[in-house]
């Protein structure tokens, strides 16, 4: 019997479009552990370079970071500075923690959807 041919818009059999509750749990746990470790080492004072620029943008009412401007990150930093977490520099660092943990969550789920085992997906994340 000849193998079945796929149409041009069908996914290969090795790619799954089913995200299980277990995968979401693994991804959330991995992102949570990473975020906790990252938050322990997050800067609580003004650092040099881009970090200090984003802290100042978070405290100001306006302003744009150096090109390309990072509009989403700048907006998130401003919102974090409004939360009242003291000091504001720590709030900006926690913004970076949030984005990094979110990226880890998504990359883990992508790796699982491509057929990687949970441990391999965690290592690649």
N, C-alpha and C. Protein backbone atom coordinates (compact mmCIF):
# COMPACT_ATOMS: atom_id res chain seq x y z
N UNK A 1 0.83 -1.16 0.00
CA UNK A 1 0.00 0.00 0.00
C UNK A 1 0.89 1.24 0.00
N UNK A 2 0.57 2.20 -0.85
CA UNK A 2 1.37 3.42 -0.98
C UNK A 2 1.06 4.38 0.18
N UNK A 3 2.09 5.12 0.66
CA UNK A 3 1.84 6.07 1.75
C UNK A 3 0.91 7.18 1.28
N UNK A 4 0.11 7.67 2.22
CA UNK A 4 -0.81 8.75 1.88
C UNK A 4 -0.05 10.04 1.67
N UNK A 5 -0.50 10.82 0.71
CA UNK A 5 0.15 12.10 0.43
C UNK A 5 -0.61 13.19 1.17
N UNK A 6 0.14 14.15 1.66
CA UNK A 6 -0.46 15.27 2.36
C UNK A 6 -0.73 16.39 1.38
N UNK A 7 -1.77 17.16 1.69
CA UNK A 7 -2.05 18.35 0.91
C UNK A 7 -1.07 19.45 1.28
N UNK A 8 -1.02 20.54 0.53
CA UNK A 8 -0.04 21.59 0.79
C UNK A 8 -0.24 22.31 2.12
N UNK A 9 -1.43 22.22 2.72
CA UNK A 9 -1.69 22.95 3.95
C UNK A 9 -1.83 22.05 5.17
N UNK A 10 -1.48 20.79 5.04
CA UNK A 10 -1.57 19.86 6.15
C UNK A 10 -0.25 19.82 6.89
N UNK A 11 -0.35 19.67 8.21
CA UNK A 11 0.85 19.60 9.04
C UNK A 11 1.47 18.22 8.93
N UNK A 12 2.80 18.13 9.01
CA UNK A 12 3.42 16.81 9.07
C UNK A 12 2.93 16.07 10.31
N UNK A 13 2.97 14.76 10.29
CA UNK A 13 2.46 13.97 11.40
C UNK A 13 3.26 14.18 12.68
N UNK A 14 4.51 14.68 12.58
CA UNK A 14 5.33 14.87 13.78
C UNK A 14 4.97 16.16 14.52
N UNK A 15 4.16 17.04 13.92
CA UNK A 15 3.79 18.29 14.57
C UNK A 15 2.38 18.15 15.11
N UNK A 16 2.23 18.40 16.39
CA UNK A 16 0.94 18.27 17.04
C UNK A 16 0.34 19.64 17.29
N UNK A 17 -0.93 19.79 17.01
CA UNK A 17 -1.58 21.05 17.31
C UNK A 17 -2.41 20.94 18.58
N UNK A 18 -2.21 19.88 19.33
CA UNK A 18 -2.92 19.65 20.58
C UNK A 18 -2.00 20.03 21.75
N UNK A 19 -2.42 21.03 22.53
CA UNK A 19 -1.69 21.40 23.74
C UNK A 19 -2.43 20.78 24.91
N UNK A 20 -1.75 19.92 25.64
CA UNK A 20 -2.39 19.24 26.75
C UNK A 20 -2.27 20.05 28.03
N UNK A 21 -3.10 19.71 28.98
CA UNK A 21 -3.06 20.36 30.29
C UNK A 21 -1.72 20.09 30.95
N UNK A 22 -1.19 18.90 30.74
CA UNK A 22 0.11 18.55 31.31
C UNK A 22 1.21 19.44 30.74
N UNK A 23 1.17 19.71 29.43
CA UNK A 23 2.15 20.60 28.81
C UNK A 23 2.05 22.00 29.38
N UNK A 24 0.82 22.48 29.55
CA UNK A 24 0.64 23.82 30.14
C UNK A 24 1.17 23.86 31.57
N UNK A 25 0.96 22.78 32.31
CA UNK A 25 1.48 22.70 33.67
C UNK A 25 3.00 22.71 33.71
N UNK A 26 3.60 21.91 32.82
CA UNK A 26 5.07 21.89 32.73
C UNK A 26 5.60 23.28 32.37
N UNK A 27 4.98 23.91 31.39
CA UNK A 27 5.43 25.23 30.94
C UNK A 27 5.29 26.26 32.05
N UNK A 28 4.17 26.23 32.76
CA UNK A 28 3.95 27.19 33.85
C UNK A 28 4.93 26.96 34.99
N UNK A 29 5.18 25.71 35.32
CA UNK A 29 6.14 25.40 36.39
C UNK A 29 7.54 25.86 36.01
N UNK A 30 7.94 25.54 34.80
CA UNK A 30 9.26 25.93 34.32
C UNK A 30 9.41 27.45 34.33
N UNK A 31 8.42 28.16 33.81
CA UNK A 31 8.47 29.62 33.78
C UNK A 31 8.45 30.20 35.19
N UNK A 32 7.66 29.61 36.08
CA UNK A 32 7.59 30.10 37.46
C UNK A 32 8.90 29.92 38.21
N UNK A 33 9.52 28.76 38.06
CA UNK A 33 10.81 28.52 38.73
C UNK A 33 11.87 29.47 38.18
N UNK A 34 11.90 29.61 36.86
CA UNK A 34 12.86 30.53 36.24
C UNK A 34 12.63 31.96 36.72
N UNK A 35 11.35 32.39 36.77
CA UNK A 35 11.04 33.76 37.19
C UNK A 35 11.46 33.99 38.63
N UNK A 36 11.26 33.00 39.49
CA UNK A 36 11.65 33.15 40.90
C UNK A 36 13.16 33.30 41.04
N UNK A 37 13.91 32.48 40.31
CA UNK A 37 15.37 32.57 40.38
C UNK A 37 15.85 33.89 39.79
N UNK A 38 15.27 34.28 38.66
CA UNK A 38 15.65 35.53 38.00
C UNK A 38 15.31 36.73 38.90
N UNK A 39 14.15 36.70 39.57
CA UNK A 39 13.73 37.81 40.43
C UNK A 39 14.66 37.97 41.64
N UNK A 40 15.20 36.87 42.13
CA UNK A 40 16.14 36.95 43.26
C UNK A 40 17.39 37.73 42.88
N UNK A 41 17.80 37.64 41.62
CA UNK A 41 19.00 38.34 41.18
C UNK A 41 18.72 39.64 40.44
N UNK A 42 17.46 40.05 40.40
CA UNK A 42 17.10 41.27 39.67
C UNK A 42 17.67 42.51 40.35
N UNK A 43 18.06 43.47 39.54
CA UNK A 43 18.67 44.70 40.06
C UNK A 43 17.66 45.50 40.87
N UNK A 44 18.11 46.00 42.01
CA UNK A 44 17.25 46.83 42.84
C UNK A 44 17.71 48.29 42.85
N UNK A 45 18.79 48.54 42.14
CA UNK A 45 19.30 49.91 42.02
C UNK A 45 19.54 50.21 40.55
N UNK A 46 19.88 51.45 40.26
CA UNK A 46 20.13 51.84 38.87
C UNK A 46 21.44 51.23 38.40
N UNK A 47 21.37 50.58 37.26
CA UNK A 47 22.54 49.99 36.62
C UNK A 47 22.93 50.85 35.44
N UNK A 48 24.04 50.56 34.83
CA UNK A 48 24.47 51.33 33.67
C UNK A 48 23.80 50.87 32.40
N UNK A 49 23.96 51.65 31.34
CA UNK A 49 23.48 51.26 30.02
C UNK A 49 21.98 51.41 29.84
N UNK A 50 21.40 50.46 29.10
CA UNK A 50 19.97 50.53 28.77
C UNK A 50 19.08 50.46 30.01
N UNK A 51 19.49 49.72 31.02
CA UNK A 51 18.65 49.56 32.21
C UNK A 51 18.36 50.91 32.86
N UNK A 52 19.35 51.76 32.97
CA UNK A 52 19.12 53.07 33.59
C UNK A 52 18.22 53.93 32.70
N UNK A 53 18.36 53.81 31.40
CA UNK A 53 17.50 54.57 30.49
C UNK A 53 16.04 54.16 30.65
N UNK A 54 15.78 52.86 30.78
CA UNK A 54 14.40 52.41 30.94
C UNK A 54 13.83 52.78 32.31
N UNK A 55 14.65 52.81 33.34
CA UNK A 55 14.18 53.27 34.65
C UNK A 55 13.75 54.72 34.56
N UNK A 56 14.55 55.55 33.91
CA UNK A 56 14.19 56.96 33.76
C UNK A 56 12.92 57.12 32.93
N UNK A 57 12.76 56.32 31.89
CA UNK A 57 11.54 56.39 31.08
C UNK A 57 10.32 55.97 31.90
N UNK A 58 10.50 55.02 32.81
CA UNK A 58 9.40 54.58 33.65
C UNK A 58 8.97 55.65 34.63
N UNK A 59 9.90 56.47 35.06
CA UNK A 59 9.59 57.51 36.03
C UNK A 59 9.09 58.79 35.38
N UNK A 60 9.38 58.99 34.11
CA UNK A 60 8.94 60.20 33.40
C UNK A 60 7.53 60.01 32.86
N UNK A 61 6.92 61.12 32.48
CA UNK A 61 5.59 61.05 31.87
C UNK A 61 5.68 60.81 30.37
N UNK A 62 6.76 61.09 29.77
CA UNK A 62 6.91 60.90 28.33
C UNK A 62 8.31 60.44 28.03
N UNK A 63 8.60 60.38 26.78
CA UNK A 63 9.95 60.00 26.38
C UNK A 63 9.97 58.71 25.61
N UNK A 64 10.99 58.58 24.82
CA UNK A 64 11.18 57.40 24.00
C UNK A 64 12.61 56.94 24.17
N UNK A 65 12.78 55.65 24.28
CA UNK A 65 14.13 55.09 24.39
C UNK A 65 14.87 55.30 23.07
N UNK A 66 16.17 55.10 23.11
CA UNK A 66 16.96 55.25 21.89
C UNK A 66 16.41 54.33 20.81
N UNK A 67 16.64 54.65 19.53
CA UNK A 67 16.09 53.84 18.45
C UNK A 67 16.45 52.37 18.64
N UNK A 68 15.55 51.48 18.41
CA UNK A 68 14.24 51.59 17.79
C UNK A 68 13.11 51.99 18.74
N UNK A 69 13.38 52.33 19.96
CA UNK A 69 12.35 52.85 20.85
C UNK A 69 11.69 51.84 21.75
N UNK A 70 11.64 50.58 21.38
CA UNK A 70 11.04 49.52 22.19
C UNK A 70 9.69 49.93 22.77
N UNK A 71 8.68 50.20 21.94
CA UNK A 71 7.42 50.74 22.44
C UNK A 71 6.70 49.85 23.44
N UNK A 72 6.63 48.55 23.20
CA UNK A 72 5.92 47.66 24.13
C UNK A 72 6.65 47.60 25.47
N UNK A 73 7.96 47.49 25.42
CA UNK A 73 8.73 47.41 26.65
C UNK A 73 8.65 48.73 27.41
N UNK A 74 8.71 49.85 26.71
CA UNK A 74 8.61 51.15 27.36
C UNK A 74 7.26 51.31 28.04
N UNK A 75 6.19 50.90 27.39
CA UNK A 75 4.87 50.97 27.99
C UNK A 75 4.78 50.07 29.22
N UNK A 76 5.31 48.85 29.12
CA UNK A 76 5.28 47.92 30.25
C UNK A 76 6.08 48.48 31.42
N UNK A 77 7.21 49.11 31.15
CA UNK A 77 8.03 49.70 32.21
C UNK A 77 7.27 50.84 32.90
N UNK A 78 6.58 51.65 32.10
CA UNK A 78 5.81 52.75 32.70
C UNK A 78 4.69 52.20 33.58
N UNK A 79 4.02 51.16 33.13
CA UNK A 79 2.97 50.54 33.94
C UNK A 79 3.55 49.93 35.22
N UNK A 80 4.71 49.31 35.11
CA UNK A 80 5.35 48.71 36.28
C UNK A 80 5.74 49.78 37.29
N UNK A 81 6.19 50.93 36.81
CA UNK A 81 6.59 52.02 37.71
C UNK A 81 5.37 52.58 38.44
N UNK A 82 4.19 52.47 37.83
CA UNK A 82 2.97 52.97 38.47
C UNK A 82 2.41 52.03 39.54
N UNK A 83 2.90 50.79 39.59
CA UNK A 83 2.38 49.81 40.54
C UNK A 83 2.71 50.16 41.98
N UNK A 84 3.72 50.96 42.18
CA UNK A 84 4.10 51.34 43.54
C UNK A 84 5.11 50.41 44.18
N UNK A 85 5.60 49.43 43.41
CA UNK A 85 6.65 48.57 43.95
C UNK A 85 7.87 49.44 44.16
N UNK A 86 8.39 49.43 45.39
CA UNK A 86 9.53 50.29 45.69
C UNK A 86 10.78 49.43 45.73
N UNK A 87 11.86 49.85 45.21
CA UNK A 87 12.04 51.03 44.37
C UNK A 87 11.59 50.76 42.93
N UNK A 88 11.44 51.83 42.18
CA UNK A 88 10.98 51.71 40.80
C UNK A 88 11.97 50.93 39.94
N UNK A 89 13.24 50.99 40.31
CA UNK A 89 14.24 50.24 39.56
C UNK A 89 13.97 48.74 39.64
N UNK A 90 13.49 48.30 40.79
CA UNK A 90 13.16 46.88 40.95
C UNK A 90 11.93 46.53 40.11
N UNK A 91 10.97 47.44 40.01
CA UNK A 91 9.78 47.21 39.18
C UNK A 91 10.18 47.05 37.72
N UNK A 92 11.14 47.85 37.27
CA UNK A 92 11.61 47.73 35.89
C UNK A 92 12.30 46.38 35.69
N UNK A 93 13.07 45.94 36.66
CA UNK A 93 13.73 44.63 36.58
C UNK A 93 12.69 43.52 36.54
N UNK A 94 11.61 43.66 37.31
CA UNK A 94 10.57 42.65 37.29
C UNK A 94 9.83 42.60 35.96
N UNK A 95 9.82 43.71 35.24
CA UNK A 95 9.25 43.72 33.89
C UNK A 95 10.07 42.80 32.99
N UNK A 96 11.38 42.88 33.11
CA UNK A 96 12.25 41.99 32.33
C UNK A 96 12.04 40.53 32.74
N UNK A 97 11.85 40.29 34.02
CA UNK A 97 11.58 38.94 34.51
C UNK A 97 10.30 38.39 33.88
N UNK A 98 9.27 39.23 33.85
CA UNK A 98 7.98 38.81 33.29
C UNK A 98 8.10 38.46 31.81
N UNK A 99 8.77 39.31 31.04
CA UNK A 99 8.93 39.03 29.61
C UNK A 99 9.77 37.78 29.38
N UNK A 100 10.82 37.60 30.16
CA UNK A 100 11.68 36.42 29.98
C UNK A 100 10.92 35.14 30.33
N UNK A 101 10.16 35.14 31.42
CA UNK A 101 9.40 33.96 31.81
C UNK A 101 8.30 33.66 30.78
N UNK A 102 7.69 34.69 30.23
CA UNK A 102 6.67 34.50 29.20
C UNK A 102 7.27 33.87 27.95
N UNK A 103 8.44 34.33 27.57
CA UNK A 103 9.12 33.76 26.40
C UNK A 103 9.47 32.30 26.64
N UNK A 104 9.92 31.98 27.84
CA UNK A 104 10.24 30.60 28.19
C UNK A 104 9.00 29.72 28.09
N UNK A 105 7.88 30.20 28.57
CA UNK A 105 6.61 29.49 28.52
C UNK A 105 6.24 29.17 27.07
N UNK A 106 6.31 30.16 26.20
CA UNK A 106 5.93 29.98 24.79
C UNK A 106 6.90 29.06 24.06
N UNK A 107 8.19 29.21 24.28
CA UNK A 107 9.18 28.37 23.59
C UNK A 107 9.01 26.91 24.01
N UNK A 108 8.72 26.67 25.29
CA UNK A 108 8.48 25.30 25.74
C UNK A 108 7.30 24.69 25.00
N UNK A 109 6.20 25.44 24.89
CA UNK A 109 5.02 24.92 24.21
C UNK A 109 5.27 24.69 22.72
N UNK A 110 6.06 25.56 22.12
CA UNK A 110 6.40 25.36 20.70
C UNK A 110 7.23 24.10 20.52
N UNK A 111 8.20 23.90 21.40
CA UNK A 111 9.04 22.69 21.32
C UNK A 111 8.19 21.43 21.49
N UNK A 112 7.25 21.46 22.42
CA UNK A 112 6.37 20.31 22.62
C UNK A 112 5.49 20.08 21.39
N UNK A 113 5.00 21.16 20.79
CA UNK A 113 4.16 21.02 19.61
C UNK A 113 4.93 20.44 18.43
N UNK A 114 6.23 20.67 18.42
CA UNK A 114 7.08 20.12 17.35
C UNK A 114 7.52 18.69 17.65
N UNK A 115 7.09 18.15 18.79
CA UNK A 115 7.35 16.75 19.08
C UNK A 115 8.45 16.47 20.08
N UNK A 116 9.02 17.49 20.70
CA UNK A 116 10.07 17.27 21.70
C UNK A 116 9.47 16.71 22.97
N UNK A 117 10.22 15.88 23.64
CA UNK A 117 9.79 15.35 24.95
C UNK A 117 9.88 16.48 25.97
N UNK A 118 9.17 16.35 27.11
CA UNK A 118 9.16 17.45 28.09
C UNK A 118 10.55 17.89 28.56
N UNK A 119 11.42 16.93 28.85
CA UNK A 119 12.76 17.31 29.33
C UNK A 119 13.55 18.02 28.23
N UNK A 120 13.45 17.52 27.01
CA UNK A 120 14.15 18.16 25.89
C UNK A 120 13.59 19.55 25.64
N UNK A 121 12.27 19.72 25.74
CA UNK A 121 11.66 21.03 25.55
C UNK A 121 12.09 21.99 26.64
N UNK A 122 12.23 21.49 27.87
CA UNK A 122 12.68 22.35 28.97
C UNK A 122 14.12 22.78 28.77
N UNK A 123 14.96 21.87 28.31
CA UNK A 123 16.37 22.23 28.10
C UNK A 123 16.52 23.22 26.95
N UNK A 124 15.75 23.05 25.91
CA UNK A 124 15.85 23.97 24.77
C UNK A 124 15.24 25.32 25.08
N UNK A 125 14.33 25.36 26.06
CA UNK A 125 13.73 26.64 26.43
C UNK A 125 14.74 27.46 27.17
